[in-house]
Amino acid sequence: METTVEPVSNAVFDAAVWENGVQVGGPKTADDWKRVQANALMLAETANLLLMNGRAKDQVGWTIRTVAMKDAALEAARAADARNTQAIFDAGTHIYQSCTGCHLQYIPNLNAPPKPAE
């Protein structure tokens, strides 16, 4: 995930950032929007890789959560094509939710505090 999902999802997240109600950063040129769209499409394709035989952790939760990530990534690609920052933000929220749901199910101690030294 560190070499596939994280970089491309971060590119989508970085396309719609607000600080104190003011948009900061984000795509400005046609090429910028194409990069956001390309990263969103790469995330959707990564979902296809996660659904290949032998990669699923199970046949229910894994599939549901991976398809949710793919749907959210395609939503982000459509938003980038429309050059709609709010829609990118909304799609980014859906991507984040799908990832969080998967992490909670399959890596329950991901954010646990470190164990005290003995």
PDB file of N, CA and C in Angstrom:
ATOM      1  N   MET A   1       0.819  -1.193   0.000  1.00  0.00           N
ATOM      2  CA  MET A   1       0.000   0.000   0.000  1.00  0.00           C
ATOM      3  C   MET A   1       0.866   1.261   0.000  1.00  0.00           C
ATOM      4  N   GLU A   2       2.007   1.184   0.655  1.00  0.00           N
ATOM      5  CA  GLU A   2       2.868   2.365   0.734  1.00  0.00           C
ATOM      6  C   GLU A   2       3.396   2.804  -0.622  1.00  0.00           C
ATOM      7  N   THR A   3       3.558   1.860  -1.535  1.00  0.00           N
ATOM      8  CA  THR A   3       4.116   2.213  -2.840  1.00  0.00           C
ATOM      9  C   THR A   3       3.059   2.356  -3.928  1.00  0.00           C
ATOM     10  N   THR A   4       1.834   1.971  -3.638  1.00  0.00           N
ATOM     11  CA  THR A   4       0.794   2.065  -4.664  1.00  0.00           C
ATOM     12  C   THR A   4      -0.334   2.991  -4.227  1.00  0.00           C
ATOM     13  N   VAL A   5      -1.040   2.635  -3.186  1.00  0.00           N
ATOM     14  CA  VAL A   5      -2.231   3.385  -2.780  1.00  0.00           C
ATOM     15  C   VAL A   5      -1.874   4.759  -2.214  1.00  0.00           C
ATOM     16  N   GLU A   6      -0.909   4.815  -1.323  1.00  0.00           N
ATOM     17  CA  GLU A   6      -0.614   6.085  -0.654  1.00  0.00           C
ATOM     18  C   GLU A   6      -0.200   7.208  -1.609  1.00  0.00           C
ATOM     19  N   PRO A   7       0.759   6.995  -2.503  1.00  0.00           N
ATOM     20  CA  PRO A   7       1.161   8.125  -3.356  1.00  0.00           C
ATOM     21  C   PRO A   7       0.041   8.666  -4.240  1.00  0.00           C
ATOM     22  N   VAL A   8      -0.737   7.780  -4.825  1.00  0.00           N
ATOM     23  CA  VAL A   8      -1.783   8.257  -5.733  1.00  0.00           C
ATOM     24  C   VAL A   8      -2.966   8.836  -4.975  1.00  0.00           C
ATOM     25  N   SER A   9      -3.289   8.286  -3.807  1.00  0.00           N
ATOM     26  CA  SER A   9      -4.376   8.879  -3.024  1.00  0.00           C
ATOM     27  C   SER A   9      -3.945  10.233  -2.470  1.00  0.00           C
ATOM     28  N   ASN A  10      -2.689  10.369  -2.076  1.00  0.00           N
ATOM     29  CA  ASN A  10      -2.208  11.665  -1.590  1.00  0.00           C
ATOM     30  C   ASN A  10      -2.304  12.740  -2.661  1.00  0.00           C
ATOM     31  N   ALA A  11      -2.076  12.376  -3.914  1.00  0.00           N
ATOM     32  CA  ALA A  11      -2.207  13.346  -5.005  1.00  0.00           C
ATOM     33  C   ALA A  11      -3.645  13.837  -5.123  1.00  0.00           C
ATOM     34  N   VAL A  12      -4.598  12.950  -4.875  1.00  0.00           N
ATOM     35  CA  VAL A  12      -6.010  13.358  -4.891  1.00  0.00           C
ATOM     36  C   VAL A  12      -6.304  14.234  -3.673  1.00  0.00           C
ATOM     37  N   PHE A  13      -5.858  13.813  -2.501  1.00  0.00           N
ATOM     38  CA  PHE A  13      -6.100  14.600  -1.285  1.00  0.00           C
ATOM     39  C   PHE A  13      -5.510  16.001  -1.413  1.00  0.00           C
ATOM     40  N   ASP A  14      -4.319  16.101  -1.970  1.00  0.00           N
ATOM     41  CA  ASP A  14      -3.624  17.389  -2.081  1.00  0.00           C
ATOM     42  C   ASP A  14      -4.288  18.338  -3.080  1.00  0.00           C
ATOM     43  N   ALA A  15      -5.181  17.830  -3.883  1.00  0.00           N
ATOM     44  CA  ALA A  15      -5.851  18.666  -4.880  1.00  0.00           C
ATOM     45  C   ALA A  15      -6.965  19.508  -4.280  1.00  0.00           C
ATOM     46  N   ALA A  16      -7.354  19.229  -3.052  1.00  0.00           N
ATOM     47  CA  ALA A  16      -8.464  19.959  -2.435  1.00  0.00           C
ATOM     48  C   ALA A  16      -8.184  20.145  -0.949  1.00  0.00           C
ATOM     49  N   VAL A  17      -7.442  21.195  -0.647  1.00  0.00           N
ATOM     50  CA  VAL A  17      -7.080  21.472   0.737  1.00  0.00           C
ATOM     51  C   VAL A  17      -7.564  22.867   1.109  1.00  0.00           C
ATOM     52  N   TRP A  18      -8.224  22.940   2.253  1.00  0.00           N
ATOM     53  CA  TRP A  18      -8.667  24.226   2.771  1.00  0.00           C
ATOM     54  C   TRP A  18      -8.039  24.455   4.143  1.00  0.00           C
ATOM     55  N   GLU A  19      -7.697  25.693   4.416  1.00  0.00           N
ATOM     56  CA  GLU A  19      -7.237  26.099   5.742  1.00  0.00           C
ATOM     57  C   GLU A  19      -8.097  27.269   6.172  1.00  0.00           C
ATOM     58  N   ASN A  20      -8.787  27.105   7.289  1.00  0.00           N
ATOM     59  CA  ASN A  20      -9.668  28.165   7.814  1.00  0.00           C
ATOM     60  C   ASN A  20     -10.658  28.654   6.761  1.00  0.00           C
ATOM     61  N   GLY A  21     -11.201  27.723   5.995  1.00  0.00           N
ATOM     62  CA  GLY A  21     -12.221  28.053   5.006  1.00  0.00           C
ATOM     63  C   GLY A  21     -11.695  28.618   3.699  1.00  0.00           C
ATOM     64  N   VAL A  22     -10.379  28.678   3.544  1.00  0.00           N
ATOM     65  CA  VAL A  22      -9.781  29.211   2.320  1.00  0.00           C
ATOM     66  C   VAL A  22      -9.022  28.086   1.619  1.00  0.00           C
ATOM     67  N   GLN A  23      -9.307  27.919   0.321  1.00  0.00           N
ATOM     68  CA  GLN A  23      -8.603  26.890  -0.426  1.00  0.00           C
ATOM     69  C   GLN A  23      -7.148  27.287  -0.598  1.00  0.00           C
ATOM     70  N   VAL A  24      -6.271  26.333  -0.308  1.00  0.00           N
ATOM     71  CA  VAL A  24      -4.839  26.549  -0.504  1.00  0.00           C
ATOM     72  C   VAL A  24      -4.320  25.466  -1.440  1.00  0.00           C
ATOM     73  N   GLY A  25      -3.450  25.842  -2.326  1.00  0.00           N
ATOM     74  CA  GLY A  25      -2.898  24.870  -3.257  1.00  0.00           C
ATOM     75  C   GLY A  25      -3.945  24.357  -4.227  1.00  0.00           C
ATOM     76  N   GLY A  26      -3.708  23.169  -4.700  1.00  0.00           N
ATOM     77  CA  GLY A  26      -4.637  22.550  -5.632  1.00  0.00           C
ATOM     78  C   GLY A  26      -4.277  22.822  -7.072  1.00  0.00           C
ATOM     79  N   PRO A  27      -4.918  22.120  -7.986  1.00  0.00           N
ATOM     80  CA  PRO A  27      -4.606  22.243  -9.413  1.00  0.00           C
ATOM     81  C   PRO A  27      -4.986  23.621  -9.959  1.00  0.00           C
ATOM     82  N   LYS A  28      -4.132  24.132 -10.817  1.00  0.00           N
ATOM     83  CA  LYS A  28      -4.391  25.440 -11.413  1.00  0.00           C
ATOM     84  C   LYS A  28      -4.438  25.374 -12.944  1.00  0.00           C
ATOM     85  N   THR A  29      -3.618  24.517 -13.517  1.00  0.00           N
ATOM     86  CA  THR A  29      -3.549  24.438 -14.980  1.00  0.00           C
ATOM     87  C   THR A  29      -4.220  23.157 -15.470  1.00  0.00           C
ATOM     88  N   ALA A  30      -4.410  23.086 -16.766  1.00  0.00           N
ATOM     89  CA  ALA A  30      -4.985  21.874 -17.366  1.00  0.00           C
ATOM     90  C   ALA A  30      -4.109  20.658 -17.067  1.00  0.00           C
ATOM     91  N   ASP A  31      -2.798  20.847 -17.106  1.00  0.00           N
ATOM     92  CA  ASP A  31      -1.884  19.742 -16.798  1.00  0.00           C
ATOM     93  C   ASP A  31      -2.014  19.302 -15.342  1.00  0.00           C
ATOM     94  N   ASP A  32      -2.203  20.268 -14.435  1.00  0.00           N
ATOM     95  CA  ASP A  32      -2.406  19.927 -13.015  1.00  0.00           C
ATOM     96  C   ASP A  32      -3.640  19.049 -12.854  1.00  0.00           C
ATOM     97  N   TRP A  33      -4.736  19.430 -13.510  1.00  0.00           N
ATOM     98  CA  TRP A  33      -5.968  18.653 -13.402  1.00  0.00           C
ATOM     99  C   TRP A  33      -5.799  17.263 -14.017  1.00  0.00           C
ATOM    100  N   LYS A  34      -5.062  17.180 -15.118  1.00  0.00           N
ATOM    101  CA  LYS A  34      -4.809  15.874 -15.744  1.00  0.00           C
ATOM    102  C   LYS A  34      -4.012  14.972 -14.802  1.00  0.00           C
ATOM    103  N   ARG A  35      -3.054  15.547 -14.064  1.00  0.00           N
ATOM    104  CA  ARG A  35      -2.281  14.748 -13.094  1.00  0.00           C
ATOM    105  C   ARG A  35      -3.177  14.225 -11.981  1.00  0.00           C
ATOM    106  N   VAL A  36      -4.083  15.060 -11.506  1.00  0.00           N
ATOM    107  CA  VAL A  36      -5.012  14.605 -10.464  1.00  0.00           C
ATOM    108  C   VAL A  36      -5.871  13.471 -11.016  1.00  0.00           C
ATOM    109  N   GLN A  37      -6.392  13.652 -12.217  1.00  0.00           N
ATOM    110  CA  GLN A  37      -7.218  12.621 -12.839  1.00  0.00           C
ATOM    111  C   GLN A  37      -6.419  11.331 -13.035  1.00  0.00           C
ATOM    112  N   ALA A  38      -5.185  11.449 -13.508  1.00  0.00           N
ATOM    113  CA  ALA A  38      -4.351  10.259 -13.735  1.00  0.00           C
ATOM    114  C   ALA A  38      -4.098   9.520 -12.427  1.00  0.00           C
ATOM    115  N   ASN A  39      -3.832  10.241 -11.351  1.00  0.00           N
ATOM    116  CA  ASN A  39      -3.616   9.588 -10.063  1.00  0.00           C
ATOM    117  C   ASN A  39      -4.874   8.917  -9.553  1.00  0.00           C
ATOM    118  N   ALA A  40      -6.019   9.549  -9.756  1.00  0.00           N
ATOM    119  CA  ALA A  40      -7.284   8.930  -9.350  1.00  0.00           C
ATOM    120  C   ALA A  40      -7.524   7.640 -10.141  1.00  0.00           C
ATOM    121  N   LEU A  41      -7.226   7.673 -11.424  1.00  0.00           N
ATOM    122  CA  LEU A  41      -7.402   6.467 -12.256  1.00  0.00           C
ATOM    123  C   LEU A  41      -6.409   5.370 -11.856  1.00  0.00           C
ATOM    124  N   MET A  42      -5.188   5.764 -11.483  1.00  0.00           N
ATOM    125  CA  MET A  42      -4.224   4.764 -11.005  1.00  0.00           C
ATOM    126  C   MET A  42      -4.713   4.123  -9.708  1.00  0.00           C
ATOM    127  N   LEU A  43      -5.351   4.907  -8.851  1.00  0.00           N
ATOM    128  CA  LEU A  43      -5.908   4.350  -7.616  1.00  0.00           C
ATOM    129  C   LEU A  43      -7.013   3.343  -7.937  1.00  0.00           C
ATOM    130  N   ALA A  44      -7.857   3.676  -8.897  1.00  0.00           N
ATOM    131  CA  ALA A  44      -8.912   2.737  -9.308  1.00  0.00           C
ATOM    132  C   ALA A  44      -8.307   1.448  -9.854  1.00  0.00           C
ATOM    133  N   GLU A  45      -7.249   1.560 -10.628  1.00  0.00           N
ATOM    134  CA  GLU A  45      -6.594   0.366 -11.160  1.00  0.00           C
ATOM    135  C   GLU A  45      -5.912  -0.439 -10.056  1.00  0.00           C
ATOM    136  N   THR A  46      -5.408   0.238  -9.050  1.00  0.00           N
ATOM    137  CA  THR A  46      -4.827  -0.468  -7.910  1.00  0.00           C
ATOM    138  C   THR A  46      -5.884  -1.332  -7.231  1.00  0.00           C
ATOM    139  N   ALA A  47      -7.106  -0.820  -7.173  1.00  0.00           N
ATOM    140  CA  ALA A  47      -8.200  -1.619  -6.602  1.00  0.00           C
ATOM    141  C   ALA A  47      -8.371  -2.914  -7.392  1.00  0.00           C
ATOM    142  N   ASN A  48      -8.254  -2.837  -8.705  1.00  0.00           N
ATOM    143  CA  ASN A  48      -8.353  -4.058  -9.518  1.00  0.00           C
ATOM    144  C   ASN A  48      -7.267  -5.057  -9.138  1.00  0.00           C
ATOM    145  N   LEU A  49      -6.063  -4.556  -8.879  1.00  0.00           N
ATOM    146  CA  LEU A  49      -4.974  -5.452  -8.460  1.00  0.00           C
ATOM    147  C   LEU A  49      -5.297  -6.110  -7.122  1.00  0.00           C
ATOM    148  N   LEU A  50      -5.885  -5.348  -6.211  1.00  0.00           N
ATOM    149  CA  LEU A  50      -6.217  -5.893  -4.892  1.00  0.00           C
ATOM    150  C   LEU A  50      -7.317  -6.943  -4.958  1.00  0.00           C
ATOM    151  N   LEU A  51      -8.082  -6.943  -6.032  1.00  0.00           N
ATOM    152  CA  LEU A  51      -9.179  -7.907  -6.183  1.00  0.00           C
ATOM    153  C   LEU A  51      -8.760  -9.168  -6.942  1.00  0.00           C
ATOM    154  N   MET A  52      -7.524  -9.206  -7.414  1.00  0.00           N
ATOM    155  CA  MET A  52      -7.063 -10.383  -8.155  1.00  0.00           C
ATOM    156  C   MET A  52      -7.032 -11.618  -7.258  1.00  0.00           C
ATOM    157  N   ASN A  53      -7.204 -12.781  -7.880  1.00  0.00           N
ATOM    158  CA  ASN A  53      -7.167 -14.040  -7.140  1.00  0.00           C
ATOM    159  C   ASN A  53      -5.899 -14.136  -6.301  1.00  0.00           C
ATOM    160  N   GLY A  54      -6.064 -14.595  -5.075  1.00  0.00           N
ATOM    161  CA  GLY A  54      -4.937 -14.801  -4.184  1.00  0.00           C
ATOM    162  C   GLY A  54      -4.543 -13.590  -3.364  1.00  0.00           C
ATOM    163  N   ARG A  55      -5.139 -12.440  -3.619  1.00  0.00           N
ATOM    164  CA  ARG A  55      -4.772 -11.236  -2.875  1.00  0.00           C
ATOM    165  C   ARG A  55      -5.796 -10.852  -1.823  1.00  0.00           C
ATOM    166  N   ALA A  56      -7.019 -11.271  -1.996  1.00  0.00           N
ATOM    167  CA  ALA A  56      -8.082 -10.901  -1.057  1.00  0.00           C
ATOM    168  C   ALA A  56      -7.879 -11.586   0.289  1.00  0.00           C
ATOM    169  N   LYS A  57      -8.131 -10.833   1.352  1.00  0.00           N
ATOM    170  CA  LYS A  57      -8.044 -11.384   2.711  1.00  0.00           C
ATOM    171  C   LYS A  57      -9.235 -12.286   2.993  1.00  0.00           C
ATOM    172  N   ASP A  58     -10.354 -11.997   2.357  1.00  0.00           N
ATOM    173  CA  ASP A  58     -11.563 -12.816   2.452  1.00  0.00           C
ATOM    174  C   ASP A  58     -12.433 -12.473   1.244  1.00  0.00           C
ATOM    175  N   GLN A  59     -13.592 -13.082   1.141  1.00  0.00           N
ATOM    176  CA  GLN A  59     -14.431 -12.868  -0.037  1.00  0.00           C
ATOM    177  C   GLN A  59     -15.569 -11.881   0.191  1.00  0.00           C
ATOM    178  N   VAL A  60     -15.659 -11.299   1.381  1.00  0.00           N
ATOM    179  CA  VAL A  60     -16.763 -10.379   1.641  1.00  0.00           C
ATOM    180  C   VAL A  60     -16.237  -8.977   1.939  1.00  0.00           C
ATOM    181  N   GLY A  61     -15.719  -8.771   3.144  1.00  0.00           N
ATOM    182  CA  GLY A  61     -15.279  -7.444   3.557  1.00  0.00           C
ATOM    183  C   GLY A  61     -14.239  -6.844   2.639  1.00  0.00           C
ATOM    184  N   TRP A  62     -13.250  -7.650   2.258  1.00  0.00           N
ATOM    185  CA  TRP A  62     -12.171  -7.162   1.399  1.00  0.00           C
ATOM    186  C   TRP A  62     -12.730  -6.642   0.073  1.00  0.00           C
ATOM    187  N   THR A  63     -13.621  -7.424  -0.497  1.00  0.00           N
ATOM    188  CA  THR A  63     -14.197  -7.042  -1.788  1.00  0.00           C
ATOM    189  C   THR A  63     -15.046  -5.788  -1.651  1.00  0.00           C
ATOM    190  N   ILE A  64     -15.881  -5.737  -0.633  1.00  0.00           N
ATOM    191  CA  ILE A  64     -16.747  -4.570  -0.426  1.00  0.00           C
ATOM    192  C   ILE A  64     -15.910  -3.309  -0.248  1.00  0.00           C
ATOM    193  N   ARG A  65     -14.883  -3.391   0.586  1.00  0.00           N
ATOM    194  CA  ARG A  65     -14.065  -2.202   0.877  1.00  0.00           C
ATOM    195  C   ARG A  65     -13.204  -1.795  -0.318  1.00  0.00           C
ATOM    196  N   THR A  66     -12.718  -2.776  -1.061  1.00  0.00           N
ATOM    197  CA  THR A  66     -11.897  -2.464  -2.233  1.00  0.00           C
ATOM    198  C   THR A  66     -12.745  -1.847  -3.336  1.00  0.00           C
ATOM    199  N   VAL A  67     -13.937  -2.361  -3.544  1.00  0.00           N
ATOM    200  CA  VAL A  67     -14.835  -1.781  -4.545  1.00  0.00           C
ATOM    201  C   VAL A  67     -15.224  -0.355  -4.131  1.00  0.00           C
ATOM    202  N   ALA A  68     -15.413  -0.122  -2.840  1.00  0.00           N
ATOM    203  CA  ALA A  68     -15.719   1.237  -2.368  1.00  0.00           C
ATOM    204  C   ALA A  68     -14.568   2.192  -2.690  1.00  0.00           C
ATOM    205  N   MET A  69     -13.328   1.725  -2.516  1.00  0.00           N
ATOM    206  CA  MET A  69     -12.173   2.555  -2.855  1.00  0.00           C
ATOM    207  C   MET A  69     -12.144   2.837  -4.357  1.00  0.00           C
ATOM    208  N   LYS A  70     -12.410   1.811  -5.148  1.00  0.00           N
ATOM    209  CA  LYS A  70     -12.411   1.983  -6.606  1.00  0.00           C
ATOM    210  C   LYS A  70     -13.490   2.978  -7.029  1.00  0.00           C
ATOM    211  N   ASP A  71     -14.692   2.840  -6.473  1.00  0.00           N
ATOM    212  CA  ASP A  71     -15.786   3.763  -6.813  1.00  0.00           C
ATOM    213  C   ASP A  71     -15.423   5.198  -6.441  1.00  0.00           C
ATOM    214  N   ALA A  72     -14.812   5.380  -5.270  1.00  0.00           N
ATOM    215  CA  ALA A  72     -14.414   6.720  -4.826  1.00  0.00           C
ATOM    216  C   ALA A  72     -13.312   7.280  -5.724  1.00  0.00           C
ATOM    217  N   ALA A  73     -12.389   6.427  -6.150  1.00  0.00           N
ATOM    218  CA  ALA A  73     -11.321   6.872  -7.045  1.00  0.00           C
ATOM    219  C   ALA A  73     -11.891   7.303  -8.396  1.00  0.00           C
ATOM    220  N   LEU A  74     -12.856   6.559  -8.905  1.00  0.00           N
ATOM    221  CA  LEU A  74     -13.490   6.939 -10.165  1.00  0.00           C
ATOM    222  C   LEU A  74     -14.289   8.231 -10.011  1.00  0.00           C
ATOM    223  N   GLU A  75     -14.899   8.420  -8.842  1.00  0.00           N
ATOM    224  CA  GLU A  75     -15.579   9.680  -8.532  1.00  0.00           C
ATOM    225  C   GLU A  75     -14.573  10.839  -8.590  1.00  0.00           C
ATOM    226  N   ALA A  76     -13.391  10.630  -8.032  1.00  0.00           N
ATOM    227  CA  ALA A  76     -12.343  11.663  -8.056  1.00  0.00           C
ATOM    228  C   ALA A  76     -11.886  11.938  -9.487  1.00  0.00           C
ATOM    229  N   ALA A  77     -11.770  10.902 -10.305  1.00  0.00           N
ATOM    230  CA  ALA A  77     -11.362  11.091 -11.703  1.00  0.00           C
ATOM    231  C   ALA A  77     -12.391  11.928 -12.452  1.00  0.00           C
ATOM    232  N   ARG A  78     -13.670  11.658 -12.206  1.00  0.00           N
ATOM    233  CA  ARG A  78     -14.730  12.448 -12.857  1.00  0.00           C
ATOM    234  C   ARG A  78     -14.683  13.899 -12.376  1.00  0.00           C
ATOM    235  N   ALA A  79     -14.431  14.084 -11.084  1.00  0.00           N
ATOM    236  CA  ALA A  79     -14.352  15.437 -10.523  1.00  0.00           C
ATOM    237  C   ALA A  79     -13.179  16.200 -11.124  1.00  0.00           C
ATOM    238  N   ALA A  80     -12.048  15.522 -11.302  1.00  0.00           N
ATOM    239  CA  ALA A  80     -10.882  16.176 -11.908  1.00  0.00           C
ATOM    240  C   ALA A  80     -11.171  16.534 -13.361  1.00  0.00           C
ATOM    241  N   ASP A  81     -11.847  15.644 -14.064  1.00  0.00           N
ATOM    242  CA  ASP A  81     -12.211  15.925 -15.448  1.00  0.00           C
ATOM    243  C   ASP A  81     -13.106  17.160 -15.536  1.00  0.00           C
ATOM    244  N   ALA A  82     -13.978  17.333 -14.532  1.00  0.00           N
ATOM    245  CA  ALA A  82     -14.875  18.491 -14.479  1.00  0.00           C
ATOM    246  C   ALA A  82     -14.202  19.716 -13.859  1.00  0.00           C
ATOM    247  N   ARG A  83     -12.974  19.533 -13.362  1.00  0.00           N
ATOM    248  CA  ARG A  83     -12.229  20.613 -12.687  1.00  0.00           C
ATOM    249  C   ARG A  83     -13.041  21.195 -11.527  1.00  0.00           C
ATOM    250  N   ASN A  84     -13.595  20.296 -10.731  1.00  0.00           N
ATOM    251  CA  ASN A  84     -14.469  20.676  -9.623  1.00  0.00           C
ATOM    252  C   ASN A  84     -13.774  20.345  -8.302  1.00  0.00           C
ATOM    253  N   THR A  85     -13.223  21.363  -7.662  1.00  0.00           N
ATOM    254  CA  THR A  85     -12.459  21.157  -6.435  1.00  0.00           C
ATOM    255  C   THR A  85     -13.321  20.606  -5.310  1.00  0.00           C
ATOM    256  N   GLN A  86     -14.548  21.082  -5.173  1.00  0.00           N
ATOM    257  CA  GLN A  86     -15.414  20.572  -4.107  1.00  0.00           C
ATOM    258  C   GLN A  86     -15.713  19.095  -4.329  1.00  0.00           C
ATOM    259  N   ALA A  87     -15.932  18.718  -5.567  1.00  0.00           N
ATOM    260  CA  ALA A  87     -16.192  17.307  -5.865  1.00  0.00           C
ATOM    261  C   ALA A  87     -14.945  16.451  -5.609  1.00  0.00           C
ATOM    262  N   ILE A  88     -13.753  17.014  -5.852  1.00  0.00           N
ATOM    263  CA  ILE A  88     -12.507  16.309  -5.513  1.00  0.00           C
ATOM    264  C   ILE A  88     -12.441  16.103  -4.007  1.00  0.00           C
ATOM    265  N   PHE A  89     -12.772  17.145  -3.254  1.00  0.00           N
ATOM    266  CA  PHE A  89     -12.764  17.051  -1.792  1.00  0.00           C
ATOM    267  C   PHE A  89     -13.729  15.961  -1.324  1.00  0.00           C
ATOM    268  N   ASP A  90     -14.931  15.962  -1.885  1.00  0.00           N
ATOM    269  CA  ASP A  90     -15.935  14.959  -1.506  1.00  0.00           C
ATOM    270  C   ASP A  90     -15.453  13.549  -1.853  1.00  0.00           C
ATOM    271  N   ALA A  91     -14.881  13.384  -3.030  1.00  0.00           N
ATOM    272  CA  ALA A  91     -14.362  12.075  -3.436  1.00  0.00           C
ATOM    273  C   ALA A  91     -13.207  11.664  -2.522  1.00  0.00           C
ATOM    274  N   GLY A  92     -12.354  12.629  -2.167  1.00  0.00           N
ATOM    275  CA  GLY A  92     -11.258  12.342  -1.243  1.00  0.00           C
ATOM    276  C   GLY A  92     -11.770  11.855   0.096  1.00  0.00           C
ATOM    277  N   THR A  93     -12.875  12.433   0.554  1.00  0.00           N
ATOM    278  CA  THR A  93     -13.499  11.977   1.792  1.00  0.00           C
ATOM    279  C   THR A  93     -13.934  10.518   1.652  1.00  0.00           C
ATOM    280  N   HIS A  94     -14.511  10.174   0.516  1.00  0.00           N
ATOM    281  CA  HIS A  94     -14.969   8.794   0.294  1.00  0.00           C
ATOM    282  C   HIS A  94     -13.775   7.834   0.196  1.00  0.00           C
ATOM    283  N   ILE A  95     -12.687   8.288  -0.425  1.00  0.00           N
ATOM    284  CA  ILE A  95     -11.479   7.465  -0.471  1.00  0.00           C
ATOM    285  C   ILE A  95     -10.973   7.219   0.939  1.00  0.00           C
ATOM    286  N   TYR A  96     -10.885   8.278   1.722  1.00  0.00           N
ATOM    287  CA  TYR A  96     -10.404   8.170   3.105  1.00  0.00           C
ATOM    288  C   TYR A  96     -11.283   7.215   3.909  1.00  0.00           C
ATOM    289  N   GLN A  97     -12.595   7.331   3.758  1.00  0.00           N
ATOM    290  CA  GLN A  97     -13.510   6.452   4.492  1.00  0.00           C
ATOM    291  C   GLN A  97     -13.325   4.993   4.095  1.00  0.00           C
ATOM    292  N   SER A  98     -13.129   4.736   2.812  1.00  0.00           N
ATOM    293  CA  SER A  98     -12.951   3.340   2.388  1.00  0.00           C
ATOM    294  C   SER A  98     -11.646   2.787   2.942  1.00  0.00           C
ATOM    295  N   CYS A  99     -10.595   3.584   2.932  1.00  0.00           N
ATOM    296  CA  CYS A  99      -9.310   3.129   3.472  1.00  0.00           C
ATOM    297  C   CYS A  99      -9.397   2.899   4.979  1.00  0.00           C
ATOM    298  N   THR A 100     -10.024   3.824   5.670  1.00  0.00           N
ATOM    299  CA  THR A 100     -10.153   3.692   7.121  1.00  0.00           C
ATOM    300  C   THR A 100     -10.943   2.443   7.489  1.00  0.00           C
ATOM    301  N   GLY A 101     -12.025   2.173   6.774  1.00  0.00           N
ATOM    302  CA  GLY A 101     -12.817   0.975   7.047  1.00  0.00           C
ATOM    303  C   GLY A 101     -11.993  -0.287   6.878  1.00  0.00           C
ATOM    304  N   CYS A 102     -11.180  -0.324   5.848  1.00  0.00           N
ATOM    305  CA  CYS A 102     -10.328  -1.487   5.607  1.00  0.00           C
ATOM    306  C   CYS A 102      -9.285  -1.619   6.715  1.00  0.00           C
ATOM    307  N   HIS A 103      -8.656  -0.502   7.067  1.00  0.00           N
ATOM    308  CA  HIS A 103      -7.643  -0.547   8.125  1.00  0.00           C
ATOM    309  C   HIS A 103      -8.242  -1.021   9.439  1.00  0.00           C
ATOM    310  N   LEU A 104      -9.425  -0.537   9.769  1.00  0.00           N
ATOM    311  CA  LEU A 104     -10.055  -0.954  11.024  1.00  0.00           C
ATOM    312  C   LEU A 104     -10.345  -2.452  11.034  1.00  0.00           C
ATOM    313  N   GLN A 105     -10.720  -2.985   9.872  1.00  0.00           N
ATOM    314  CA  GLN A 105     -11.047  -4.402   9.802  1.00  0.00           C
ATOM    315  C   GLN A 105      -9.802  -5.282   9.727  1.00  0.00           C
ATOM    316  N   TYR A 106      -8.815  -4.881   8.948  1.00  0.00           N
ATOM    317  CA  TYR A 106      -7.695  -5.780   8.685  1.00  0.00           C
ATOM    318  C   TYR A 106      -6.401  -5.417   9.399  1.00  0.00           C
ATOM    319  N   ILE A 107      -6.299  -4.215   9.925  1.00  0.00           N
ATOM    320  CA  ILE A 107      -5.113  -3.812  10.684  1.00  0.00           C
ATOM    321  C   ILE A 107      -5.600  -3.087  11.949  1.00  0.00           C
ATOM    322  N   PRO A 108      -6.284  -3.796  12.828  1.00  0.00           N
ATOM    323  CA  PRO A 108      -6.944  -3.125  13.960  1.00  0.00           C
ATOM    324  C   PRO A 108      -6.006  -2.368  14.895  1.00  0.00           C
ATOM    325  N   ASN A 109      -4.746  -2.721  14.973  1.00  0.00           N
ATOM    326  CA  ASN A 109      -3.823  -2.038  15.872  1.00  0.00           C
ATOM    327  C   ASN A 109      -2.930  -1.032  15.148  1.00  0.00           C
ATOM    328  N   LEU A 110      -3.322  -0.627  13.950  1.00  0.00           N
ATOM    329  CA  LEU A 110      -2.497   0.275  13.146  1.00  0.00           C
ATOM    330  C   LEU A 110      -2.160   1.562  13.890  1.00  0.00           C
ATOM    331  N   ASN A 111      -3.137   2.130  14.568  1.00  0.00           N
ATOM    332  CA  ASN A 111      -2.931   3.410  15.253  1.00  0.00           C
ATOM    333  C   ASN A 111      -2.840   3.242  16.769  1.00  0.00           C
ATOM    334  N   ALA A 112      -2.585   2.052  17.220  1.00  0.00           N
ATOM    335  CA  ALA A 112      -2.461   1.819  18.667  1.00  0.00           C
ATOM    336  C   ALA A 112      -1.218   2.508  19.195  1.00  0.00           C
ATOM    337  N   PRO A 113      -1.282   2.997  20.440  1.00  0.00           N
ATOM    338  CA  PRO A 113      -0.088   3.601  21.013  1.00  0.00           C
ATOM    339  C   PRO A 113       1.006   2.545  21.185  1.00  0.00           C
ATOM    340  N   PRO A 114       2.259   2.977  21.140  1.00  0.00           N
ATOM    341  CA  PRO A 114       3.343   2.003  21.297  1.00  0.00           C
ATOM    342  C   PRO A 114       3.305   1.370  22.684  1.00  0.00           C
ATOM    343  N   LYS A 115       3.744   0.134  22.739  1.00  0.00           N
ATOM    344  CA  LYS A 115       3.806  -0.578  24.024  1.00  0.00           C
ATOM    345  C   LYS A 115       4.923   0.015  24.855  1.00  0.00           C
ATOM    346  N   PRO A 116       4.713   0.131  26.164  1.00  0.00           N
ATOM    347  CA  PRO A 116       5.783   0.663  27.015  1.00  0.00           C
ATOM    348  C   PRO A 116       6.995  -0.261  27.009  1.00  0.00           C
ATOM    349  N   ALA A 117       8.158   0.345  27.113  1.00  0.00           N
ATOM    350  CA  ALA A 117       9.406  -0.425  27.150  1.00  0.00           C
ATOM    351  C   ALA A 117       9.472  -1.217  28.448  1.00  0.00           C
ATOM    352  N   GLU A 118      10.008  -2.387  28.357  1.00  0.00           N
ATOM    353  CA  GLU A 118      10.098  -3.235  29.554  1.00  0.00           C
ATOM    354  C   GLU A 118      11.421  -3.062  30.236  1.00  0.00           C
TER     355      GLU A 118
END
